[in-house]
Amino acid sequence: MKYAVVIEKGPKNYGAYVPDLLGCVATGKTPAIVRERIEQAIAAHVASLREHGEPVPKPTTIAAYASVA
């Protein structure tokens, strides 16, 4: 499965979250680090849901960019 990930720059680091996986977050000093960490967080989150017999949400979020003049 492929989940949409939102990465935002904060004052001192980057944060990432997965809109389709409530509570699945990560932080890192660089975009590359936060991306690696959110991928690990997604894997752990999904594994935990399965381990506890809970449903794994299907990816539904659609990401797009809009240009503004």
N, C-alpha and C. Protein backbone atom coordinates (compact mmCIF):
# COMPACT_ATOMS: atom_id res chain seq x y z
N MET A 1 0.84 -1.18 0.00
CA MET A 1 0.00 0.00 0.00
C MET A 1 0.88 1.24 0.00
N LYS A 2 0.37 2.30 -0.62
CA LYS A 2 1.07 3.58 -0.62
C LYS A 2 0.20 4.60 0.09
N TYR A 3 0.76 5.20 1.13
CA TYR A 3 0.06 6.22 1.89
C TYR A 3 0.62 7.60 1.56
N ALA A 4 -0.26 8.59 1.50
CA ALA A 4 0.18 9.98 1.34
C ALA A 4 0.82 10.42 2.65
N VAL A 5 1.92 11.14 2.54
CA VAL A 5 2.66 11.65 3.70
C VAL A 5 2.79 13.16 3.53
N VAL A 6 2.51 13.89 4.60
CA VAL A 6 2.68 15.34 4.60
C VAL A 6 3.94 15.65 5.40
N ILE A 7 4.86 16.40 4.78
CA ILE A 7 6.10 16.81 5.46
C ILE A 7 6.07 18.33 5.57
N GLU A 8 6.27 18.81 6.79
CA GLU A 8 6.24 20.25 7.04
C GLU A 8 7.53 20.70 7.72
N LYS A 9 7.99 21.88 7.36
CA LYS A 9 9.18 22.44 8.00
C LYS A 9 8.74 23.21 9.24
N GLY A 10 9.37 22.88 10.35
CA GLY A 10 9.12 23.59 11.60
C GLY A 10 10.27 24.53 11.90
N PRO A 11 10.26 25.20 13.04
CA PRO A 11 11.33 26.13 13.38
C PRO A 11 12.71 25.48 13.50
N LYS A 12 12.75 24.23 13.96
CA LYS A 12 14.05 23.59 14.19
C LYS A 12 14.22 22.26 13.48
N ASN A 13 13.13 21.70 12.92
CA ASN A 13 13.24 20.40 12.25
C ASN A 13 12.06 20.23 11.30
N TYR A 14 11.91 19.04 10.78
CA TYR A 14 10.80 18.71 9.90
C TYR A 14 9.90 17.71 10.62
N GLY A 15 8.63 17.81 10.34
CA GLY A 15 7.67 16.86 10.87
C GLY A 15 6.91 16.22 9.74
N ALA A 16 6.44 15.01 9.96
CA ALA A 16 5.66 14.31 8.93
C ALA A 16 4.50 13.59 9.61
N TYR A 17 3.40 13.50 8.86
CA TYR A 17 2.26 12.72 9.34
C TYR A 17 1.55 12.08 8.16
N VAL A 18 0.75 11.07 8.49
CA VAL A 18 0.02 10.30 7.49
C VAL A 18 -1.47 10.53 7.74
N PRO A 19 -2.14 11.29 6.87
CA PRO A 19 -3.55 11.58 7.11
C PRO A 19 -4.44 10.34 7.28
N ASP A 20 -4.11 9.25 6.62
CA ASP A 20 -4.93 8.05 6.69
C ASP A 20 -4.62 7.17 7.90
N LEU A 21 -3.55 7.46 8.63
CA LEU A 21 -3.17 6.66 9.81
C LEU A 21 -3.08 7.59 11.02
N LEU A 22 -4.19 7.75 11.70
CA LEU A 22 -4.26 8.65 12.84
C LEU A 22 -3.16 8.37 13.86
N GLY A 23 -2.37 9.39 14.18
CA GLY A 23 -1.32 9.24 15.17
C GLY A 23 0.02 8.79 14.62
N CYS A 24 0.10 8.54 13.34
CA CYS A 24 1.36 8.10 12.73
C CYS A 24 2.17 9.33 12.33
N VAL A 25 3.21 9.63 13.12
CA VAL A 25 4.01 10.84 12.93
C VAL A 25 5.50 10.54 13.07
N ALA A 26 6.29 11.47 12.59
CA ALA A 26 7.75 11.36 12.75
C ALA A 26 8.36 12.75 12.64
N THR A 27 9.57 12.90 13.16
CA THR A 27 10.31 14.16 13.02
C THR A 27 11.73 13.84 12.61
N GLY A 28 12.41 14.85 12.07
CA GLY A 28 13.80 14.68 11.68
C GLY A 28 14.43 16.01 11.33
N LYS A 29 15.74 16.05 11.36
CA LYS A 29 16.47 17.28 11.11
C LYS A 29 16.42 17.70 9.64
N THR A 30 16.29 16.73 8.74
CA THR A 30 16.24 17.02 7.31
C THR A 30 15.03 16.31 6.69
N PRO A 31 14.62 16.75 5.50
CA PRO A 31 13.52 16.04 4.82
C PRO A 31 13.84 14.57 4.58
N ALA A 32 15.08 14.26 4.25
CA ALA A 32 15.45 12.87 4.00
C ALA A 32 15.33 12.02 5.27
N ILE A 33 15.74 12.57 6.39
CA ILE A 33 15.65 11.83 7.65
C ILE A 33 14.20 11.63 8.05
N VAL A 34 13.39 12.68 7.94
CA VAL A 34 11.99 12.53 8.33
C VAL A 34 11.26 11.57 7.40
N ARG A 35 11.64 11.55 6.14
CA ARG A 35 11.00 10.61 5.21
C ARG A 35 11.34 9.16 5.60
N GLU A 36 12.60 8.92 5.92
CA GLU A 36 13.00 7.58 6.36
C GLU A 36 12.26 7.18 7.63
N ARG A 37 12.16 8.11 8.56
CA ARG A 37 11.51 7.81 9.83
C ARG A 37 10.00 7.60 9.68
N ILE A 38 9.35 8.36 8.79
CA ILE A 38 7.91 8.17 8.62
C ILE A 38 7.63 6.83 7.95
N GLU A 39 8.50 6.40 7.06
CA GLU A 39 8.33 5.07 6.45
C GLU A 39 8.44 3.98 7.51
N GLN A 40 9.38 4.14 8.44
CA GLN A 40 9.51 3.19 9.55
C GLN A 40 8.27 3.26 10.46
N ALA A 41 7.78 4.48 10.69
CA ALA A 41 6.60 4.66 11.54
C ALA A 41 5.37 4.02 10.91
N ILE A 42 5.23 4.15 9.59
CA ILE A 42 4.10 3.53 8.90
C ILE A 42 4.16 2.01 9.06
N ALA A 43 5.32 1.44 8.83
CA ALA A 43 5.47 -0.01 8.96
C ALA A 43 5.13 -0.47 10.38
N ALA A 44 5.61 0.25 11.38
CA ALA A 44 5.35 -0.12 12.77
C ALA A 44 3.87 0.07 13.11
N HIS A 45 3.28 1.13 12.61
CA HIS A 45 1.87 1.42 12.88
C HIS A 45 0.97 0.32 12.30
N VAL A 46 1.22 -0.04 11.06
CA VAL A 46 0.43 -1.08 10.40
C VAL A 46 0.63 -2.43 11.11
N ALA A 47 1.87 -2.74 11.46
CA ALA A 47 2.15 -3.99 12.16
C ALA A 47 1.41 -4.04 13.50
N SER A 48 1.37 -2.93 14.22
CA SER A 48 0.68 -2.87 15.50
C SER A 48 -0.83 -3.07 15.32
N LEU A 49 -1.39 -2.43 14.32
CA LEU A 49 -2.83 -2.62 14.05
C LEU A 49 -3.13 -4.08 13.79
N ARG A 50 -2.33 -4.71 12.94
CA ARG A 50 -2.54 -6.13 12.62
C ARG A 50 -2.38 -7.01 13.85
N GLU A 51 -1.36 -6.72 14.64
CA GLU A 51 -1.08 -7.51 15.84
C GLU A 51 -2.25 -7.46 16.82
N HIS A 52 -2.92 -6.33 16.87
CA HIS A 52 -4.04 -6.16 17.79
C HIS A 52 -5.39 -6.47 17.15
N GLY A 53 -5.36 -7.01 15.93
CA GLY A 53 -6.59 -7.42 15.26
C GLY A 53 -7.46 -6.26 14.81
N GLU A 54 -6.85 -5.10 14.68
CA GLU A 54 -7.61 -3.92 14.24
C GLU A 54 -7.49 -3.77 12.72
N PRO A 55 -8.49 -3.16 12.10
CA PRO A 55 -8.42 -2.98 10.65
C PRO A 55 -7.33 -1.98 10.25
N VAL A 56 -6.70 -2.25 9.14
CA VAL A 56 -5.68 -1.33 8.60
C VAL A 56 -6.38 -0.44 7.59
N PRO A 57 -6.42 0.87 7.85
CA PRO A 57 -7.10 1.77 6.93
C PRO A 57 -6.46 1.74 5.53
N LYS A 58 -7.31 1.73 4.53
CA LYS A 58 -6.81 1.80 3.16
C LYS A 58 -6.43 3.24 2.86
N PRO A 59 -5.42 3.42 2.02
CA PRO A 59 -5.05 4.78 1.63
C PRO A 59 -6.19 5.44 0.85
N THR A 60 -6.61 6.61 1.28
CA THR A 60 -7.66 7.34 0.57
C THR A 60 -7.28 8.78 0.27
N THR A 61 -6.26 9.29 0.94
CA THR A 61 -5.86 10.68 0.74
C THR A 61 -5.22 10.87 -0.62
N ILE A 62 -5.62 11.93 -1.29
CA ILE A 62 -5.05 12.30 -2.59
C ILE A 62 -4.29 13.61 -2.39
N ALA A 63 -3.05 13.64 -2.83
CA ALA A 63 -2.24 14.86 -2.69
C ALA A 63 -2.07 15.51 -4.06
N ALA A 64 -2.10 16.82 -4.07
CA ALA A 64 -1.90 17.57 -5.31
C ALA A 64 -1.31 18.92 -4.97
N TYR A 65 -0.67 19.52 -5.94
CA TYR A 65 -0.15 20.87 -5.79
C TYR A 65 -0.99 21.81 -6.64
N ALA A 66 -1.20 23.02 -6.14
CA ALA A 66 -1.92 24.03 -6.90
C ALA A 66 -0.99 25.21 -7.12
N SER A 67 -0.94 25.70 -8.33
CA SER A 67 -0.11 26.86 -8.66
C SER A 67 -0.92 28.14 -8.52
N VAL A 68 -0.30 29.16 -7.96
CA VAL A 68 -0.95 30.45 -7.79
C VAL A 68 -0.02 31.53 -8.33
N ALA A 69 -0.58 32.44 -9.09
CA ALA A 69 0.23 33.51 -9.68
C ALA A 69 0.35 34.68 -8.71
